[in-house]
Amino acid sequence: MIFLKNSGQGLLLSIHAQPGASRTKIVGEYGESLKVAVQAPPVDGAANEALTDFLAEVFGVGRKNVALKSGATGRKKIFLISELSVADAEARLKEHL
């Protein structure tokens, strides 16, 4: 999966966020990113918080293991997910695609 990359600290996940959706869900791929529809509006970091919670749930890790590394104010975001292997991440994502 092109949107998942190994780093020394964990996995880097490229996200294309679509805020204001009816519910938060994975929509599919968007270029080199994973497209995620987010129910929360892009106001005061609400969409970023909702994405963090959603990714922790999808990957089965604690919220503290999901960190927004870049893209706080844009649609393109990079999240760092720690304590998860690429194989486990891919398996969990396939359940949601």
Protein backbone atom coordinates (compact mmCIF):
# COMPACT_ATOMS: atom_id res chain seq x y z
CA MET A 1 0.00 0.00 0.00
CA ILE A 2 1.66 3.16 -1.24
CA PHE A 3 0.22 5.38 1.51
CA LEU A 4 1.99 3.36 4.26
CA LYS A 5 5.73 3.77 4.82
CA ASN A 6 8.10 2.49 7.49
CA SER A 7 10.06 5.03 9.48
CA GLY A 8 12.44 4.64 12.41
CA GLN A 9 9.66 5.64 14.81
CA GLY A 10 6.76 3.64 13.35
CA LEU A 11 4.56 3.79 10.27
CA LEU A 12 3.87 6.95 8.31
CA LEU A 13 0.36 7.08 6.89
CA SER A 14 -0.60 9.62 4.22
CA ILE A 15 -4.25 10.72 4.51
CA HIS A 16 -6.46 12.82 2.26
CA ALA A 17 -9.20 14.07 4.60
CA GLN A 18 -12.71 14.90 3.48
CA PRO A 19 -14.35 16.74 6.41
CA GLY A 20 -18.08 17.27 6.90
CA ALA A 21 -19.14 13.74 5.87
CA SER A 22 -22.23 11.97 7.20
CA ARG A 23 -19.96 9.55 9.09
CA THR A 24 -16.25 8.87 9.47
CA LYS A 25 -15.09 6.06 7.18
CA ILE A 26 -12.35 5.01 4.79
CA VAL A 27 -13.40 5.86 1.26
CA GLY A 28 -10.48 4.38 -0.69
CA GLU A 29 -7.25 5.56 -2.26
CA TYR A 30 -6.67 9.09 -3.51
CA GLY A 31 -3.42 9.36 -5.43
CA GLU A 32 -0.70 8.29 -2.98
CA SER A 33 -2.96 8.81 0.06
CA LEU A 34 -5.72 6.97 1.87
CA LYS A 35 -8.94 8.98 1.56
CA VAL A 36 -10.94 9.22 4.77
CA ALA A 37 -14.33 10.92 5.08
CA VAL A 38 -14.52 12.66 8.47
CA GLN A 39 -17.80 13.52 10.15
CA ALA A 40 -16.30 16.34 12.25
CA PRO A 41 -15.99 19.82 10.72
CA PRO A 42 -12.54 21.30 10.05
CA VAL A 43 -12.90 23.80 12.89
CA ASP A 44 -10.59 24.17 15.90
CA GLY A 45 -8.86 20.85 15.17
CA ALA A 46 -12.06 18.81 15.51
CA ALA A 47 -11.46 16.89 12.28
CA ASN A 48 -7.86 16.10 13.30
CA GLU A 49 -9.03 14.80 16.68
CA ALA A 50 -11.72 12.68 15.02
CA LEU A 51 -9.16 11.28 12.56
CA THR A 52 -6.78 10.43 15.40
CA ASP A 53 -9.54 8.56 17.26
CA PHE A 54 -10.69 6.79 14.09
CA LEU A 55 -7.18 5.66 13.09
CA ALA A 56 -6.49 4.35 16.61
CA GLU A 57 -9.69 2.29 16.37
CA VAL A 58 -8.98 1.01 12.83
CA PHE A 59 -5.42 -0.06 13.67
CA GLY A 60 -6.24 -1.37 17.14
CA VAL A 61 -3.69 0.83 18.92
CA GLY A 62 -4.00 3.33 21.72
CA ARG A 63 -4.75 6.95 20.88
CA LYS A 64 -1.29 7.87 22.20
CA ASN A 65 0.21 5.73 19.40
CA VAL A 66 -1.32 7.92 16.67
CA ALA A 67 0.26 11.34 16.11
CA LEU A 68 -0.39 13.97 13.46
CA LYS A 69 3.04 14.84 12.05
CA SER A 70 2.03 17.32 9.32
CA GLY A 71 -1.00 18.83 7.64
CA ALA A 72 -2.90 20.17 10.65
CA THR A 73 -4.69 22.80 8.55
CA GLY A 74 -4.93 21.06 5.18
CA ARG A 75 -6.60 18.04 3.64
CA LYS A 76 -3.30 16.19 3.10
CA LYS A 77 -2.04 14.85 6.43
CA ILE A 78 0.75 12.58 7.60
CA PHE A 79 0.14 10.48 10.71
CA LEU A 80 2.77 8.52 12.61
CA ILE A 81 1.45 5.24 14.03
CA SER A 82 3.73 3.49 16.50
CA GLU A 83 3.79 -0.09 17.79
CA LEU A 84 2.34 -1.54 14.59
CA SER A 85 3.95 -3.55 11.79
CA VAL A 86 3.28 -2.91 8.11
CA ALA A 87 1.76 -6.38 7.75
CA ASP A 88 -0.65 -5.78 10.65
CA ALA A 89 -1.56 -2.33 9.32
CA GLU A 90 -2.29 -3.70 5.85
CA ALA A 91 -4.42 -6.51 7.27
CA ARG A 92 -6.47 -4.10 9.38
CA LEU A 93 -6.93 -1.70 6.46
CA LYS A 94 -8.16 -4.47 4.16
CA GLU A 95 -11.02 -5.05 6.62
CA HIS A 96 -12.14 -1.44 6.06
CA LEU A 97 -11.62 -1.09 2.30
